[in-house]
């Protein structure tokens, strides 16, 4: 008979939402076989494991270190928006983001304290609660933007210079709203650029334009594409507050945006 470890029990609890003693008994009777232990519960009326239920709802949580040099995002998923709105869910998500800021290179899902919180919340709600996407950035100055209306979008940014809190909020809000493909046009995938170019050439030649003219038209359309999809080329989304590109907005404060990460629940 294999030893039934605490990790095995916790893993089964996370998968089934059953109590610790029930999980230990199931593992014991199944000789430590996880699949058989799950079947044990299914025979008792637990029709499916929590992990088999789609965890399409959730929230994105973020945190910034005290020295503002590290920022992190943690996506916490569950089955229903009702649970995602609950206070225990928010507390766990915030705790997970803070843990990632303290140890950015760690697997936050493997953090014993966070894992225990996930299991407890899954048992309490009967839902598949799990850690989703995670991200972190470090730099001279980092910032965080959380989209408060839905709680489902978070943006972290790394800057060179000393951006104001207002600038961080403005740029983060722009990224959340505009969904740029990359920071610069060079960062957009080559295959995406080539697809846009080929489509523009095809559209031009279809109207009877010679190939050399079609190529020039395609270059113009590509510039428009970059202005729509490259963050630094984009015009700030709120022209009433600032009329100009993100590059111009950053330059006004002598700040450089080095990197950003945008996380949206379910995407």
Protein backbone atom coordinates (compact mmCIF):
# COMPACT_ATOMS: atom_id res chain seq x y z
CA UNK A 1 0.00 0.00 0.00
CA UNK A 2 1.61 3.31 -1.07
CA UNK A 3 1.85 6.18 1.38
CA UNK A 4 -0.98 8.67 0.97
CA UNK A 5 0.79 12.02 1.07
CA UNK A 6 -0.69 15.40 1.93
CA UNK A 7 -0.05 16.52 -1.65
CA UNK A 8 -2.09 13.61 -3.01
CA UNK A 9 -4.95 14.49 -0.68
CA UNK A 10 -4.81 18.18 -1.62
CA UNK A 11 -4.71 17.34 -5.34
CA UNK A 12 -7.80 15.18 -4.99
CA UNK A 13 -9.55 17.86 -2.95
CA UNK A 14 -8.85 20.39 -5.70
CA UNK A 15 -10.24 18.04 -8.33
CA UNK A 16 -13.36 16.96 -6.49
CA UNK A 17 -14.15 19.59 -3.87
CA UNK A 18 -14.53 16.85 -1.25
CA UNK A 19 -13.30 16.98 2.34
CA UNK A 20 -9.81 16.05 3.45
CA UNK A 21 -10.81 12.88 5.30
CA UNK A 22 -13.07 11.74 2.46
CA UNK A 23 -10.23 12.26 -0.02
CA UNK A 24 -7.77 10.37 2.14
CA UNK A 25 -10.23 7.47 2.45
CA UNK A 26 -10.82 7.42 -1.32
CA UNK A 27 -7.09 7.37 -2.01
CA UNK A 28 -6.54 4.65 0.55
CA UNK A 29 -9.25 2.45 -0.95
CA UNK A 30 -7.88 3.17 -4.43
CA UNK A 31 -4.28 2.31 -3.49
CA UNK A 32 -3.19 5.87 -4.23
CA UNK A 33 -4.54 5.86 -7.80
CA UNK A 34 -5.93 9.34 -8.52
CA UNK A 35 -8.20 8.25 -11.37
CA UNK A 36 -9.69 5.42 -9.31
CA UNK A 37 -10.17 7.80 -6.38
CA UNK A 38 -12.13 10.16 -8.63
CA UNK A 39 -14.20 7.20 -9.83
CA UNK A 40 -14.80 6.34 -6.18
CA UNK A 41 -16.52 9.69 -5.70
CA UNK A 42 -18.39 9.46 -8.97
CA UNK A 43 -19.89 6.15 -7.85
CA UNK A 44 -21.06 7.96 -4.74
CA UNK A 45 -22.89 10.56 -6.78
CA UNK A 46 -20.20 13.15 -7.46
CA UNK A 47 -20.96 13.16 -11.16
CA UNK A 48 -17.88 15.03 -12.32
CA UNK A 49 -14.79 16.58 -10.87
CA UNK A 50 -14.56 20.30 -10.34
CA UNK A 51 -11.68 20.36 -12.79
CA UNK A 52 -13.97 19.07 -15.55
CA UNK A 53 -16.19 22.13 -15.24
CA UNK A 54 -15.29 25.07 -17.44
CA UNK A 55 -13.76 27.88 -15.42
CA UNK A 56 -14.62 30.65 -17.85
CA UNK A 57 -15.40 33.36 -15.31
CA UNK A 58 -13.05 35.16 -12.97
CA UNK A 59 -11.16 38.35 -12.30
CA UNK A 60 -7.70 39.78 -12.97
CA UNK A 61 -5.78 40.97 -9.92
CA UNK A 62 -2.59 42.99 -9.73
CA UNK A 63 0.00 44.29 -7.33
CA UNK A 64 3.07 46.55 -7.35
CA UNK A 65 6.05 46.23 -5.02
CA UNK A 66 6.73 48.92 -2.44
CA UNK A 67 9.74 50.16 -4.40
CA UNK A 68 7.58 50.22 -7.58
CA UNK A 69 10.16 48.18 -9.48
CA UNK A 70 8.05 45.03 -9.84
CA UNK A 71 4.44 44.61 -10.94
CA UNK A 72 2.42 41.43 -11.32
CA UNK A 73 -0.93 40.14 -12.57
CA UNK A 74 -2.75 36.98 -11.55
CA UNK A 75 -5.92 35.75 -13.24
CA UNK A 76 -8.17 33.78 -10.91
CA UNK A 77 -10.84 31.68 -12.58
CA UNK A 78 -14.08 30.08 -11.47
CA UNK A 79 -17.38 28.89 -12.96
CA UNK A 80 -19.77 31.74 -12.21
CA UNK A 81 -19.65 35.52 -12.07
CA UNK A 82 -21.44 35.31 -8.74
CA UNK A 83 -18.41 33.66 -7.17
CA UNK A 84 -16.03 36.00 -9.01
CA UNK A 85 -17.76 38.97 -7.35
CA UNK A 86 -17.53 37.49 -3.86
CA UNK A 87 -15.24 38.94 -1.20
CA UNK A 88 -13.34 35.67 -0.48
CA UNK A 89 -12.55 35.42 -4.21
CA UNK A 90 -11.22 38.98 -4.26
CA UNK A 91 -9.14 38.39 -1.14
CA UNK A 92 -7.58 35.25 -2.61
CA UNK A 93 -6.85 36.91 -5.97
CA UNK A 94 -5.21 39.91 -4.33
CA UNK A 95 -3.18 37.63 -2.09
CA UNK A 96 -1.98 35.66 -5.09
CA UNK A 97 -0.91 38.83 -6.93
CA UNK A 98 0.99 40.04 -3.87
CA UNK A 99 2.72 36.67 -3.56
CA UNK A 100 3.84 36.88 -7.19
CA UNK A 101 5.24 40.39 -6.68
CA UNK A 102 7.29 39.15 -3.74
CA UNK A 103 8.65 36.19 -5.72
CA UNK A 104 8.16 36.94 -9.43
CA UNK A 105 9.93 33.83 -10.72
CA UNK A 106 7.91 31.41 -8.60
CA UNK A 107 4.90 29.37 -9.69
CA UNK A 108 2.20 31.13 -7.69
CA UNK A 109 -0.18 28.18 -8.18
CA UNK A 110 2.31 26.00 -6.33
CA UNK A 111 2.54 28.40 -3.39
CA UNK A 112 1.28 26.33 -0.44
CA UNK A 113 -0.74 29.16 1.06
CA UNK A 114 -2.36 30.08 -2.26
CA UNK A 115 -3.02 26.45 -3.18
CA UNK A 116 -4.73 25.91 0.17
CA UNK A 117 -6.86 28.99 -0.42
CA UNK A 118 -7.86 27.76 -3.87
CA UNK A 119 -8.87 24.38 -2.45
CA UNK A 120 -10.84 25.93 0.38
CA UNK A 121 -12.70 28.28 -1.96
CA UNK A 122 -13.46 25.41 -4.35
CA UNK A 123 -14.89 23.37 -1.49
CA UNK A 124 -16.94 26.29 -0.21
CA UNK A 125 -18.39 27.26 -3.58
CA UNK A 126 -18.45 23.89 -5.32
CA UNK A 127 -16.77 25.53 -8.30
CA UNK A 128 -13.59 24.93 -10.26
CA UNK A 129 -11.42 27.68 -8.76
CA UNK A 130 -7.95 27.84 -10.27
CA UNK A 131 -5.05 30.15 -11.02
CA UNK A 132 -5.13 31.20 -14.67
CA UNK A 133 -2.67 33.40 -16.54
CA UNK A 134 0.09 35.16 -14.62
CA UNK A 135 2.57 37.84 -15.64
CA UNK A 136 5.18 40.07 -14.08
CA UNK A 137 7.47 42.90 -15.12
CA UNK A 138 10.47 44.51 -13.47
CA UNK A 139 12.13 47.78 -14.30
CA UNK A 140 13.19 51.24 -13.22
CA UNK A 141 9.52 52.04 -12.61
CA UNK A 142 6.52 49.79 -13.02
CA UNK A 143 2.83 50.54 -12.97
CA UNK A 144 -0.53 48.78 -12.77
CA UNK A 145 -3.92 49.50 -14.27
CA UNK A 146 -7.04 47.55 -13.27
CA UNK A 147 -10.26 48.03 -15.22
CA UNK A 148 -12.62 48.61 -12.35
CA UNK A 149 -15.95 48.27 -14.17
CA UNK A 150 -15.65 44.56 -14.91
CA UNK A 151 -12.51 43.63 -12.97
CA UNK A 152 -11.58 41.39 -15.90
CA UNK A 153 -8.74 43.39 -17.45
CA UNK A 154 -5.36 44.20 -15.92
CA UNK A 155 -2.33 45.90 -17.44
CA UNK A 156 1.20 46.13 -16.08
CA UNK A 157 3.84 48.42 -17.54
CA UNK A 158 7.57 48.94 -17.20
CA UNK A 159 8.98 52.44 -17.72
CA UNK A 160 12.29 54.23 -17.91
CA UNK A 161 11.93 57.62 -16.29
CA UNK A 162 9.51 58.80 -13.67
CA UNK A 163 5.93 58.64 -14.97
CA UNK A 164 3.22 60.32 -12.93
CA UNK A 165 0.44 58.21 -11.48
CA UNK A 166 -1.92 59.93 -13.90
CA UNK A 167 0.22 58.94 -16.89
CA UNK A 168 0.30 55.33 -15.72
CA UNK A 169 -3.48 55.32 -15.43
CA UNK A 170 -3.89 56.97 -18.84
CA UNK A 171 -1.55 54.62 -20.69
CA UNK A 172 -2.88 51.57 -18.85
CA UNK A 173 -6.45 52.56 -19.65
CA UNK A 174 -5.54 53.08 -23.29
CA UNK A 175 -3.95 49.62 -23.50
CA UNK A 176 -6.97 48.04 -21.81
CA UNK A 177 -9.37 49.74 -24.25
CA UNK A 178 -7.37 49.66 -27.49
CA UNK A 179 -5.89 46.14 -27.29
CA UNK A 180 -2.70 46.85 -29.29
CA UNK A 181 -0.98 43.86 -30.85
CA UNK A 182 2.48 44.99 -29.71
CA UNK A 183 4.43 47.88 -28.23
CA UNK A 184 6.05 48.77 -31.58
CA UNK A 185 5.40 47.90 -35.20
CA UNK A 186 8.54 45.74 -35.12
CA UNK A 187 6.93 43.66 -32.37
CA UNK A 188 3.95 42.63 -34.48
CA UNK A 189 4.32 39.08 -35.82
CA UNK A 190 5.89 39.00 -39.29
CA UNK A 191 3.19 36.67 -40.59
CA UNK A 192 0.49 39.13 -39.49
CA UNK A 193 2.21 42.01 -41.29
CA UNK A 194 2.72 39.93 -44.43
CA UNK A 195 -0.92 38.86 -44.42
CA UNK A 196 -2.01 42.50 -44.25
CA UNK A 197 0.40 43.46 -47.02
CA UNK A 198 -0.73 40.64 -49.31
CA UNK A 199 -4.38 41.48 -48.73
CA UNK A 200 -3.79 45.14 -49.55
CA UNK A 201 -1.95 44.25 -52.78
CA UNK A 202 -4.70 41.83 -53.76
CA UNK A 203 -7.38 44.46 -53.15
CA UNK A 204 -5.51 47.02 -55.23
CA UNK A 205 -4.81 44.70 -58.16
CA UNK A 206 -8.45 43.60 -58.12
CA UNK A 207 -9.39 47.17 -59.07
CA UNK A 208 -7.06 47.06 -62.07
CA UNK A 209 -4.04 48.80 -60.52
CA UNK A 210 -0.61 47.77 -61.91
CA UNK A 211 1.58 45.72 -59.55
CA UNK A 212 3.98 48.58 -58.76
CA UNK A 213 1.11 50.91 -57.87
CA UNK A 214 -0.57 48.15 -55.86
CA UNK A 215 2.65 47.76 -53.85
CA UNK A 216 2.71 51.49 -53.04
CA UNK A 217 -0.95 51.40 -52.03
CA UNK A 218 -0.19 48.41 -49.78
CA UNK A 219 2.59 50.35 -48.02
CA UNK A 220 0.14 53.14 -47.27
CA UNK A 221 -2.40 50.69 -45.88
CA UNK A 222 0.30 49.05 -43.78
CA UNK A 223 1.13 52.40 -42.19
CA UNK A 224 -2.55 52.77 -41.31
CA UNK A 225 -2.54 49.24 -39.92
CA UNK A 226 0.47 50.00 -37.71
CA UNK A 227 -1.23 53.17 -36.44
CA UNK A 228 -4.18 51.00 -35.39
CA UNK A 229 -2.27 48.06 -33.91
CA UNK A 230 1.13 49.30 -32.65
CA UNK A 231 0.78 50.91 -29.23
CA UNK A 232 3.38 53.64 -29.71
CA UNK A 233 1.84 54.56 -33.08
CA UNK A 234 -1.72 54.71 -31.74
CA UNK A 235 -3.46 57.98 -30.95
CA UNK A 236 -4.48 58.27 -27.31
CA UNK A 237 -8.01 56.97 -26.99
CA UNK A 238 -9.35 60.06 -25.20
CA UNK A 239 -8.67 62.96 -27.58
CA UNK A 240 -10.48 65.38 -25.26
CA UNK A 241 -7.74 64.84 -22.69
CA UNK A 242 -4.72 64.49 -24.97
CA UNK A 243 -4.62 64.84 -28.73
CA UNK A 244 -1.68 62.92 -30.08
CA UNK A 245 0.03 59.54 -30.12
CA UNK A 246 1.11 57.47 -27.15
CA UNK A 247 4.70 58.22 -28.14
CA UNK A 248 3.97 61.94 -27.88
CA UNK A 249 2.21 61.50 -24.55
CA UNK A 250 5.22 59.67 -23.10
CA UNK A 251 7.69 62.16 -24.58
CA UNK A 252 5.86 65.01 -22.87
CA UNK A 253 6.95 63.55 -19.52
CA UNK A 254 10.37 62.38 -20.76
CA UNK A 255 9.32 58.79 -20.16
CA UNK A 256 9.90 55.61 -22.18
CA UNK A 257 7.53 52.66 -22.02
CA UNK A 258 9.74 49.58 -22.22
CA UNK A 259 7.21 46.76 -21.96
CA UNK A 260 3.60 46.05 -21.11
CA UNK A 261 1.42 43.01 -20.49
CA UNK A 262 -2.35 43.02 -20.88
CA UNK A 263 -4.39 40.19 -19.34
CA UNK A 264 -8.11 39.76 -19.89
CA UNK A 265 -10.15 37.01 -18.29
CA UNK A 266 -11.15 34.37 -20.82
CA UNK A 267 -8.76 35.58 -23.54
